C-alpha atoms as a PDB file:
ATOM      1  CA  MET A   1       1.459 -10.222 -23.718  1.00  0.00           C
ATOM      2  CA  THR A   2      -0.198  -9.075 -20.299  1.00  0.00           C
ATOM      3  CA  PRO A   3      -3.659  -6.982 -21.501  1.00  0.00           C
ATOM      4  CA  ILE A   4      -3.869  -3.507 -20.203  1.00  0.00           C
ATOM      5  CA  LEU A   5      -6.900  -2.687 -18.607  1.00  0.00           C
ATOM      6  CA  LYS A   6      -8.917   0.307 -18.572  1.00  0.00           C
ATOM      7  CA  ASN A   7     -10.165   0.069 -14.847  1.00  0.00           C
ATOM      8  CA  TYR A   8      -9.268  -2.284 -12.010  1.00  0.00           C
ATOM      9  CA  VAL A   9     -11.230  -2.905  -8.795  1.00  0.00           C
ATOM     10  CA  ILE A  10      -8.939  -3.374  -5.806  1.00  0.00           C
ATOM     11  CA  ASN A  11      -9.764  -6.367  -3.665  1.00  0.00           C
ATOM     12  CA  GLU A  12      -8.566  -9.130  -1.170  1.00  0.00           C
ATOM     13  CA  ALA A  13      -5.873 -10.304  -3.653  1.00  0.00           C
ATOM     14  CA  THR A  14      -4.647  -7.031  -4.213  1.00  0.00           C
ATOM     15  CA  MET A  15      -0.813  -6.567  -2.341  1.00  0.00           C
ATOM     16  CA  ALA A  16       0.508  -3.490  -3.970  1.00  0.00           C
ATOM     17  CA  LEU A  17      -0.337  -0.773  -6.546  1.00  0.00           C
ATOM     18  CA  VAL A  18       2.792   0.375  -8.204  1.00  0.00           C
ATOM     19  CA  PRO A  19       3.175   3.562 -10.415  1.00  0.00           C
ATOM     20  CA  ALA A  20       4.312   2.834 -13.897  1.00  0.00           C
ATOM     21  CA  ALA A  21       5.846   5.648 -16.085  1.00  0.00           C
ATOM     22  CA  ARG A  22       4.415   4.457 -19.524  1.00  0.00           C
ATOM     23  CA  ILE A  23       2.676   5.731 -22.622  1.00  0.00           C
ATOM     24  CA  ASP A  24      -0.087   2.866 -22.335  1.00  0.00           C
ATOM     25  CA  PHE A  25      -0.515   2.261 -18.698  1.00  0.00           C
ATOM     26  CA  ASP A  26      -0.231   4.032 -15.422  1.00  0.00           C
ATOM     27  CA  THR A  27      -0.538   1.569 -12.625  1.00  0.00           C
ATOM     28  CA  ILE A  28       0.810  -2.202 -11.886  1.00  0.00           C
ATOM     29  CA  ALA A  29      -1.648  -3.971  -9.849  1.00  0.00           C
ATOM     30  CA  ILE A  30       0.292  -6.665  -7.805  1.00  0.00           C
ATOM     31  CA  GLU A  31      -2.035  -9.360  -6.789  1.00  0.00           C
ATOM     32  CA  ILE A  32      -1.281 -13.082  -5.085  1.00  0.00           C
ATOM     33  CA  ASN A  33      -0.978 -14.806  -8.570  1.00  0.00           C
ATOM     34  CA  ARG A  34      -0.871 -12.024 -11.049  1.00  0.00           C
ATOM     35  CA  GLU A  35       0.366  -8.728 -12.101  1.00  0.00           C
ATOM     36  CA  LEU A  36      -1.894  -6.377 -13.855  1.00  0.00           C
ATOM     37  CA  ARG A  37      -1.477  -3.164 -16.010  1.00  0.00           C
ATOM     38  CA  ILE A  38      -4.255  -0.516 -15.318  1.00  0.00           C
ATOM     39  CA  ARG A  39      -4.794   2.989 -17.255  1.00  0.00           C
ATOM     40  CA  LYS A  40      -5.613   4.478 -14.076  1.00  0.00           C
ATOM     41  CA  THR A  41      -3.312   6.018 -11.601  1.00  0.00           C
ATOM     42  CA  PRO A  42      -3.133   4.554  -7.938  1.00  0.00           C
ATOM     43  CA  HIS A  43      -4.384   7.433  -6.763  1.00  0.00           C
ATOM     44  CA  GLN A  44      -7.511   7.060  -9.123  1.00  0.00           C
ATOM     45  CA  LEU A  45      -8.020   3.413  -8.620  1.00  0.00           C
ATOM     46  CA  LEU A  46      -7.689   4.302  -4.467  1.00  0.00           C
ATOM     47  CA  ARG A  47     -10.260   6.813  -4.577  1.00  0.00           C
ATOM     48  CA  SER A  48     -12.739   4.811  -6.633  1.00  0.00           C
ATOM     49  CA  ALA A  49     -12.345   1.806  -4.164  1.00  0.00           C
ATOM     50  CA  CYS A  50     -13.235   4.037  -1.273  1.00  0.00           C
ATOM     51  CA  LEU A  51     -16.397   5.254  -3.348  1.00  0.00           C
ATOM     52  CA  ASP A  52     -16.968   1.536  -3.789  1.00  0.00           C
ATOM     53  CA  ASN A  53     -17.139   1.253  -0.390  1.00  0.00           C
ATOM     54  CA  TRP A  54     -19.681   3.874   0.966  1.00  0.00           C
ATOM     55  CA  SER A  55     -16.869   6.518   1.501  1.00  0.00           C
ATOM     56  CA  THR A  56     -14.365   8.454   0.037  1.00  0.00           C
ATOM     57  CA  TYR A  57     -10.724   9.053  -0.217  1.00  0.00           C
ATOM     58  CA  ASP A  58     -10.601  12.161   1.811  1.00  0.00           C
ATOM     59  CA  GLY A  59     -13.515  10.850   4.276  1.00  0.00           C
ATOM     60  CA  ARG A  60     -10.956   8.204   5.093  1.00  0.00           C
ATOM     61  CA  ARG A  61      -8.051   9.688   5.471  1.00  0.00           C
ATOM     62  CA  GLU A  62      -9.685  12.730   7.602  1.00  0.00           C
ATOM     63  CA  ALA A  63     -10.978  10.039   9.722  1.00  0.00           C
ATOM     64  CA  VAL A  64      -7.607   8.363  10.325  1.00  0.00           C
ATOM     65  CA  THR A  65      -6.193  11.836  10.806  1.00  0.00           C
ATOM     66  CA  HIS A  66      -8.675  12.402  13.412  1.00  0.00           C
ATOM     67  CA  HIS A  67      -7.952   9.294  15.381  1.00  0.00           C
ATOM     68  CA  PHE A  68      -4.681   9.016  15.325  1.00  0.00           C
ATOM     69  CA  GLY A  69      -3.392  12.444  14.479  1.00  0.00           C
ATOM     70  CA  PHE A  70      -1.565  11.465  11.262  1.00  0.00           C
ATOM     71  CA  LYS A  71      -0.778  13.906   8.856  1.00  0.00           C
ATOM     72  CA  ARG A  72       1.362  12.406   6.669  1.00  0.00           C
ATOM     73  CA  LYS A  73       1.576   9.000   4.389  1.00  0.00           C
ATOM     74  CA  VAL A  74      -1.883   8.741   6.150  1.00  0.00           C
ATOM     75  CA  PRO A  75      -2.971   4.655   5.918  1.00  0.00           C
ATOM     76  CA  ILE A  76      -6.373   4.511   4.217  1.00  0.00           C
ATOM     77  CA  PRO A  77      -9.019   1.887   5.319  1.00  0.00           C
ATOM     78  CA  ILE A  78     -10.223   0.813   2.355  1.00  0.00           C
ATOM     79  CA  ASN A  79     -13.059  -1.783   3.858  1.00  0.00           C
ATOM     80  CA  PRO A  80     -12.045  -2.479   7.305  1.00  0.00           C
ATOM     81  CA  GLY A  81     -15.592  -5.445   6.849  1.00  0.00           C
ATOM     82  CA  ILE A  82     -13.068  -7.280   4.442  1.00  0.00           C
ATOM     83  CA  ASN A  83      -9.567  -6.211   6.173  1.00  0.00           C
ATOM     84  CA  LEU A  84      -8.415  -4.156   2.949  1.00  0.00           C
ATOM     85  CA  TYR A  85      -5.925  -1.435   4.573  1.00  0.00           C
ATOM     86  CA  THR A  86      -3.165   0.366   2.268  1.00  0.00           C
ATOM     87  CA  PHE A  87      -0.407   2.569   2.929  1.00  0.00           C
ATOM     88  CA  PRO A  88       1.454   4.530   0.907  1.00  0.00           C
ATOM     89  CA  THR A  89       5.873   4.482   0.918  1.00  0.00           C
ATOM     90  CA  HIS A  90       5.645   8.017  -0.043  1.00  0.00           C
ATOM     91  CA  SER A  91       3.679  10.997   0.223  1.00  0.00           C
ATOM     92  CA  PRO A  92       0.768  10.430  -2.134  1.00  0.00           C
ATOM     93  CA  SER A  93       1.623  13.329  -4.105  1.00  0.00           C
ATOM     94  CA  ASP A  94       4.873  11.735  -4.785  1.00  0.00           C
ATOM     95  CA  PHE A  95       4.749   9.753  -8.105  1.00  0.00           C
ATOM     96  CA  ALA A  96       7.493   7.170  -6.666  1.00  0.00           C
ATOM     97  CA  CYS A  97       4.561   6.509  -4.010  1.00  0.00           C
ATOM     98  CA  ASN A  98       3.561   2.801  -4.063  1.00  0.00           C
ATOM     99  CA  TRP A  99       0.814   1.494  -2.317  1.00  0.00           C
ATOM    100  CA  ILE A 100       1.372  -1.521   0.179  1.00  0.00           C
ATOM    101  CA  PHE A 101      -1.873  -3.624   1.377  1.00  0.00           C
ATOM    102  CA  HIS A 102      -0.940  -4.644   5.323  1.00  0.00           C
ATOM    103  CA  SER A 103      -2.937  -7.992   5.084  1.00  0.00           C
ATOM    104  CA  HIS A 104      -0.280  -9.484   2.561  1.00  0.00           C
ATOM    105  CA  VAL A 105       2.895  -7.902   4.320  1.00  0.00           C
ATOM    106  CA  GLN A 106       4.864 -11.252   5.952  1.00  0.00           C
ATOM    107  CA  ALA A 107       8.019  -9.663   7.068  1.00  0.00           C
ATOM    108  CA  LEU A 108      10.277  -6.488   6.013  1.00  0.00           C
ATOM    109  CA  LEU A 109      14.016  -6.844   5.444  1.00  0.00           C
ATOM    110  CA  PRO A 110      16.358  -4.039   5.304  1.00  0.00           C
ATOM    111  CA  ALA A 111      19.334  -3.864   3.087  1.00  0.00           C
ATOM    112  CA  PHE A 112      22.565  -2.262   4.329  1.00  0.00           C
ATOM    113  CA  GLY A 113      24.260   0.032   1.553  1.00  0.00           C
ATOM    114  CA  SER A 114      28.390  -0.004   1.379  1.00  0.00           C
ATOM    115  CA  SER A 115      28.347   3.598   2.312  1.00  0.00           C
ATOM    116  CA  GLN A 116      26.267   6.447   3.557  1.00  0.00           C
ATOM    117  CA  ASN A 117      25.259   7.831  -0.220  1.00  0.00           C
ATOM    118  CA  THR A 118      23.535   4.510  -0.424  1.00  0.00           C
ATOM    119  CA  PRO A 119      19.874   5.437  -0.854  1.00  0.00           C
ATOM    120  CA  ALA A 120      18.204   3.324   2.372  1.00  0.00           C
ATOM    121  CA  GLN A 121      16.394  -0.217   0.779  1.00  0.00           C
ATOM    122  CA  THR A 122      14.192  -2.330   2.422  1.00  0.00           C
ATOM    123  CA  THR A 123      12.294  -5.649   0.982  1.00  0.00           C
ATOM    124  CA  ILE A 124       8.889  -6.599   1.360  1.00  0.00           C
ATOM    125  CA  ILE A 125       8.531 -10.302   2.128  1.00  0.00           C
ATOM    126  CA  PHE A 126       4.614 -10.925   1.244  1.00  0.00           C
ATOM    127  CA  LYS A 127       3.056 -13.687   2.458  1.00  0.00           C
ATOM    128  CA  ASN A 128       2.801 -15.917  -0.708  1.00  0.00           C
ATOM    129  CA  ARG A 129       6.729 -15.221  -0.264  1.00  0.00           C
ATOM    130  CA  ARG A 130       7.365 -12.725  -3.025  1.00  0.00           C
ATOM    131  CA  GLN A 131       9.948 -10.139  -2.445  1.00  0.00           C
ATOM    132  CA  MET A 132       9.350  -6.087  -3.370  1.00  0.00           C
ATOM    133  CA  PRO A 133      12.666  -4.233  -2.875  1.00  0.00           C
ATOM    134  CA  LEU A 134      11.872  -0.251  -2.272  1.00  0.00           C
ATOM    135  CA  ASP A 135      14.131   2.399  -2.263  1.00  0.00           C
ATOM    136  CA  VAL A 136      12.415   3.536   1.436  1.00  0.00           C
ATOM    137  CA  SER A 137      13.938   2.964   4.731  1.00  0.00           C
ATOM    138  CA  HIS A 138      13.142  -0.176   7.050  1.00  0.00           C
ATOM    139  CA  TYR A 139      12.179   2.497   9.778  1.00  0.00           C
ATOM    140  CA  VAL A 140       9.831   4.629   7.502  1.00  0.00           C
ATOM    141  CA  LEU A 141       7.918   0.664   6.328  1.00  0.00           C
ATOM    142  CA  ALA A 142       8.249  -0.459  10.044  1.00  0.00           C
ATOM    143  CA  LYS A 143       6.557   2.946  10.906  1.00  0.00           C
ATOM    144  CA  GLN A 144       3.712   2.571   8.101  1.00  0.00           C
ATOM    145  CA  LEU A 145       3.032  -0.937   9.019  1.00  0.00           C
ATOM    146  CA  GLU A 146       2.790  -0.094  12.521  1.00  0.00           C
ATOM    147  CA  ARG A 147       0.424   2.886  11.724  1.00  0.00           C
ATOM    148  CA  THR A 148      -1.892   0.600   9.611  1.00  0.00           C
ATOM    149  CA  GLY A 149      -2.138  -2.117  12.303  1.00  0.00           C
ATOM    150  CA  MET A 150      -3.701   0.562  14.713  1.00  0.00           C
ATOM    151  CA  CYS A 151      -6.179   1.479  12.115  1.00  0.00           C
ATOM    152  CA  VAL A 152      -7.043  -2.116  11.660  1.00  0.00           C
ATOM    153  CA  GLY A 153      -6.812  -2.396  15.500  1.00  0.00           C
ATOM    154  CA  ARG A 154      -9.043   0.271  16.039  1.00  0.00           C
ATOM    155  CA  PHE A 155     -11.665   0.004  12.506  1.00  0.00           C
ATOM    156  CA  GLY A 156     -11.519  -3.340  11.853  1.00  0.00           C
ATOM    157  CA  ASN A 157     -12.000  -6.636  14.016  1.00  0.00           C
ATOM    158  CA  GLY A 158      -8.887  -6.183  16.191  1.00  0.00           C
ATOM    159  CA  ASN A 159      -7.216  -9.083  14.524  1.00  0.00           C
ATOM    160  CA  VAL A 160      -3.992  -7.603  13.735  1.00  0.00           C
ATOM    161  CA  GLU A 161      -1.891 -10.571  12.654  1.00  0.00           C
ATOM    162  CA  GLY A 162       2.317 -10.446  13.816  1.00  0.00           C
ATOM    163  CA  ILE A 163       4.430  -9.244  11.200  1.00  0.00           C
ATOM    164  CA  GLN A 164       8.031  -9.303  11.118  1.00  0.00           C
ATOM    165  CA  TYR A 165      10.169  -6.201  11.227  1.00  0.00           C
END
């Protein structure tokens, strides 16, 4: 059985933070080679990670909004020095919001439903070949990747690798 951690430090191996509606844990941290269950919410983990990197979540969010004008689903540069950028799949206040770490995304694959009533779905292909289906349209995820890439280019070292979408 996978142990449940009281805390987690977001790092270069973190690929996604997934909210979990469980009694004993609130987040699943997906790393390159493992999954961890954590008793803190994704938002709590992000706030801690920003503080650990000499800023605040609100300060990072405000800086991105100031430079790019993004007001909703704002990408967060947690630590530009080590290329640690994340973006939300939904509004951060929405429980269904997953946080995806830009540097691990290789491609986005749209899923086409059989009718207009089928919710939009996209599969994220990570560089380690892991797949993560999400109930988010391809357009929205592609836009989030693009926005985060703009942040990487502006705040980081300018090294934005090509992502297929």
